[in-house]
């Protein structure tokens, strides 16, 4: 079975905020997710499994750059290629909008995520020391440039 990847909708907000609380030590609020729907420069996709949101991926459009802010999958659904499916569709949608370069930050210790981004052509171009809290950790700055 494959996930359905589709644009973020208002009815997804409570489920995504719940997933945030399960995964992240400093989660986004429902209001933060709802605000994404109000910004023309935000592009967010939701992964749906058997009709339920199980993750999302999104970016902010900054001219020809896409700042990937979020790639998350509910823990029980990891290992099924959902993050890769969302990232692929997100980047294809971004390219259709004229994005030629993508960037993101990832926890230095999140090796599965780093490996995924490397498969999509991202390379490390620096580190933001102490970027993350709870727990404190450096961020690896990654770019995919054409």
Foldseek 3Di string as FASTA:
>chain_A
DAWDKAWDDLVQLVVAQVLQVVPDPDGDHSVVVVVLVVDPQKTKIFTADPRHTFWMWIWGDDDQETETEDQDGRPVPPPPCRSVVRVVVRVVVSVVVNHAKYKYKDFPPPVVVVVSVVVVVKDFDDKAAQPDVPPGTIITIIMHHD
